[in-house]
Amino acid sequence: MDIEDYELERAIEKKNLIDENNKIIRTAKAQWLSNFKDGKIKLTTVKDLKDLIEIEMHLKNMK
């Protein structure tokens, strides 16, 4: 295997990992939203909302 094949293989593995992580994140977000709508989770302060937004931004930057 030459260096180009190796780099291509690594890029494909990275893309697959990102795709898998995105599926997990989407599933977790859907569950969180369901819990939020059902009143099981409450945003009680501005800091709660700020933390949620920062987490979302962090996850989007991981791509």
N, C-alpha and C. Protein backbone atom coordinates (compact mmCIF):
# COMPACT_ATOMS: atom_id res chain seq x y z
N MET A 1 0.86 -1.17 0.00
CA MET A 1 0.00 0.00 0.00
C MET A 1 0.90 1.23 0.00
N ASP A 2 0.69 2.12 -0.94
CA ASP A 2 1.50 3.33 -0.98
C ASP A 2 0.86 4.41 -0.11
N ILE A 3 1.55 5.52 0.03
CA ILE A 3 1.13 6.59 0.92
C ILE A 3 -0.22 7.19 0.53
N GLU A 4 -0.49 7.28 -0.78
CA GLU A 4 -1.77 7.83 -1.24
C GLU A 4 -2.94 6.93 -0.86
N ASP A 5 -2.74 5.63 -1.00
CA ASP A 5 -3.78 4.68 -0.61
C ASP A 5 -4.03 4.75 0.89
N TYR A 6 -2.95 4.84 1.65
CA TYR A 6 -3.05 4.93 3.10
C TYR A 6 -3.82 6.19 3.50
N GLU A 7 -3.48 7.33 2.90
CA GLU A 7 -4.15 8.58 3.23
C GLU A 7 -5.62 8.53 2.84
N LEU A 8 -5.92 7.92 1.71
CA LEU A 8 -7.31 7.78 1.29
C LEU A 8 -8.08 6.90 2.27
N GLU A 9 -7.48 5.82 2.68
CA GLU A 9 -8.12 4.92 3.64
C GLU A 9 -8.39 5.64 4.96
N ARG A 10 -7.43 6.41 5.42
CA ARG A 10 -7.59 7.18 6.67
C ARG A 10 -8.70 8.22 6.53
N ALA A 11 -8.78 8.88 5.40
CA ALA A 11 -9.82 9.89 5.16
C ALA A 11 -11.20 9.23 5.17
N ILE A 12 -11.31 8.06 4.57
CA ILE A 12 -12.58 7.33 4.56
C ILE A 12 -12.96 6.92 5.98
N GLU A 13 -12.01 6.42 6.75
CA GLU A 13 -12.27 6.03 8.14
C GLU A 13 -12.73 7.23 8.95
N LYS A 14 -12.09 8.37 8.75
CA LYS A 14 -12.47 9.58 9.49
C LYS A 14 -13.88 10.00 9.12
N LYS A 15 -14.22 9.96 7.83
CA LYS A 15 -15.56 10.33 7.36
C LYS A 15 -16.60 9.39 7.96
N ASN A 16 -16.31 8.10 7.98
CA ASN A 16 -17.24 7.13 8.56
C ASN A 16 -17.45 7.37 10.05
N LEU A 17 -16.39 7.70 10.76
CA LEU A 17 -16.49 7.99 12.18
C LEU A 17 -17.33 9.24 12.42
N ILE A 18 -17.13 10.26 11.62
CA ILE A 18 -17.92 11.48 11.73
C ILE A 18 -19.39 11.18 11.47
N ASP A 19 -19.66 10.39 10.45
CA ASP A 19 -21.04 10.01 10.13
C ASP A 19 -21.69 9.26 11.29
N GLU A 20 -20.97 8.31 11.87
CA GLU A 20 -21.49 7.55 13.01
C GLU A 20 -21.76 8.47 14.19
N ASN A 21 -20.82 9.37 14.48
CA ASN A 21 -21.01 10.30 15.59
C ASN A 21 -22.20 11.21 15.35
N ASN A 22 -22.39 11.66 14.12
CA ASN A 22 -23.53 12.51 13.80
C ASN A 22 -24.85 11.78 14.02
N LYS A 23 -24.91 10.49 13.70
CA LYS A 23 -26.12 9.71 13.95
C LYS A 23 -26.41 9.64 15.45
N ILE A 24 -25.38 9.41 16.23
CA ILE A 24 -25.54 9.34 17.69
C ILE A 24 -26.01 10.69 18.22
N ILE A 25 -25.42 11.75 17.74
CA ILE A 25 -25.78 13.10 18.19
C ILE A 25 -27.23 13.41 17.82
N ARG A 26 -27.64 13.08 16.59
CA ARG A 26 -29.02 13.33 16.17
C ARG A 26 -30.01 12.56 17.05
N THR A 27 -29.68 11.31 17.36
CA THR A 27 -30.54 10.48 18.20
C THR A 27 -30.63 11.07 19.61
N ALA A 28 -29.49 11.48 20.16
CA ALA A 28 -29.47 12.06 21.50
C ALA A 28 -30.24 13.37 21.54
N LYS A 29 -30.09 14.19 20.50
CA LYS A 29 -30.83 15.45 20.45
C LYS A 29 -32.33 15.21 20.37
N ALA A 30 -32.74 14.22 19.60
CA ALA A 30 -34.16 13.90 19.48
C ALA A 30 -34.72 13.46 20.83
N GLN A 31 -33.96 12.64 21.55
CA GLN A 31 -34.41 12.18 22.87
C GLN A 31 -34.47 13.36 23.85
N TRP A 32 -33.47 14.23 23.79
CA TRP A 32 -33.45 15.40 24.67
C TRP A 32 -34.66 16.28 24.38
N LEU A 33 -34.95 16.51 23.10
CA LEU A 33 -36.09 17.34 22.72
C LEU A 33 -37.41 16.73 23.21
N SER A 34 -37.53 15.43 23.08
CA SER A 34 -38.72 14.75 23.56
C SER A 34 -38.87 14.94 25.06
N ASN A 35 -37.79 14.76 25.79
CA ASN A 35 -37.82 14.95 27.24
C ASN A 35 -38.13 16.40 27.61
N PHE A 36 -37.59 17.33 26.84
CA PHE A 36 -37.85 18.75 27.08
C PHE A 36 -39.33 19.06 26.85
N LYS A 37 -39.89 18.57 25.75
CA LYS A 37 -41.31 18.80 25.44
C LYS A 37 -42.23 18.17 26.48
N ASP A 38 -41.81 17.03 27.04
CA ASP A 38 -42.60 16.34 28.06
C ASP A 38 -42.44 16.96 29.45
N GLY A 39 -41.59 17.97 29.55
CA GLY A 39 -41.39 18.65 30.84
C GLY A 39 -40.41 17.94 31.76
N LYS A 40 -39.72 16.93 31.27
CA LYS A 40 -38.75 16.20 32.09
C LYS A 40 -37.45 16.97 32.24
N ILE A 41 -37.21 17.89 31.30
CA ILE A 41 -36.02 18.75 31.33
C ILE A 41 -36.52 20.18 31.27
N LYS A 42 -35.95 21.03 32.12
CA LYS A 42 -36.37 22.42 32.13
C LYS A 42 -35.15 23.33 31.99
N LEU A 43 -35.32 24.38 31.21
CA LEU A 43 -34.32 25.45 31.14
C LEU A 43 -34.81 26.51 32.11
N THR A 44 -34.10 26.67 33.22
CA THR A 44 -34.60 27.57 34.26
C THR A 44 -33.84 28.89 34.32
N THR A 45 -32.68 28.93 33.68
CA THR A 45 -31.90 30.16 33.71
C THR A 45 -31.35 30.45 32.32
N VAL A 46 -30.91 31.67 32.14
CA VAL A 46 -30.26 32.05 30.89
C VAL A 46 -28.99 31.22 30.71
N LYS A 47 -28.31 30.90 31.81
CA LYS A 47 -27.09 30.09 31.74
C LYS A 47 -27.39 28.71 31.16
N ASP A 48 -28.54 28.12 31.51
CA ASP A 48 -28.91 26.82 30.95
C ASP A 48 -28.99 26.89 29.43
N LEU A 49 -29.65 27.93 28.93
CA LEU A 49 -29.78 28.11 27.48
C LEU A 49 -28.42 28.38 26.85
N LYS A 50 -27.62 29.21 27.50
CA LYS A 50 -26.27 29.52 26.99
C LYS A 50 -25.43 28.24 26.89
N ASP A 51 -25.48 27.41 27.93
CA ASP A 51 -24.72 26.15 27.93
C ASP A 51 -25.18 25.24 26.79
N LEU A 52 -26.48 25.17 26.59
CA LEU A 52 -27.02 24.33 25.52
C LEU A 52 -26.54 24.82 24.15
N ILE A 53 -26.56 26.11 23.94
CA ILE A 53 -26.11 26.69 22.67
C ILE A 53 -24.62 26.43 22.47
N GLU A 54 -23.82 26.60 23.51
CA GLU A 54 -22.38 26.37 23.40
C GLU A 54 -22.07 24.91 23.09
N ILE A 55 -22.81 24.00 23.69
CA ILE A 55 -22.60 22.58 23.40
C ILE A 55 -22.91 22.29 21.94
N GLU A 56 -24.01 22.84 21.45
CA GLU A 56 -24.40 22.64 20.04
C GLU A 56 -23.32 23.18 19.12
N MET A 57 -22.80 24.34 19.41
CA MET A 57 -21.75 24.93 18.58
C MET A 57 -20.50 24.05 18.62
N HIS A 58 -20.14 23.55 19.78
CA HIS A 58 -18.96 22.68 19.91
C HIS A 58 -19.13 21.42 19.06
N LEU A 59 -20.30 20.81 19.13
CA LEU A 59 -20.54 19.59 18.35
C LEU A 59 -20.49 19.86 16.86
N LYS A 60 -20.99 20.99 16.42
CA LYS A 60 -20.94 21.32 15.00
C LYS A 60 -19.53 21.57 14.53
N ASN A 61 -18.66 22.10 15.39
CA ASN A 61 -17.27 22.38 15.03
C ASN A 61 -16.41 21.14 14.99
N MET A 62 -16.90 20.02 15.51
CA MET A 62 -16.13 18.77 15.53
C MET A 62 -16.10 18.11 14.16
N LYS A 63 -16.95 18.54 13.25
CA LYS A 63 -17.04 17.90 11.93
C LYS A 63 -15.82 18.14 11.11
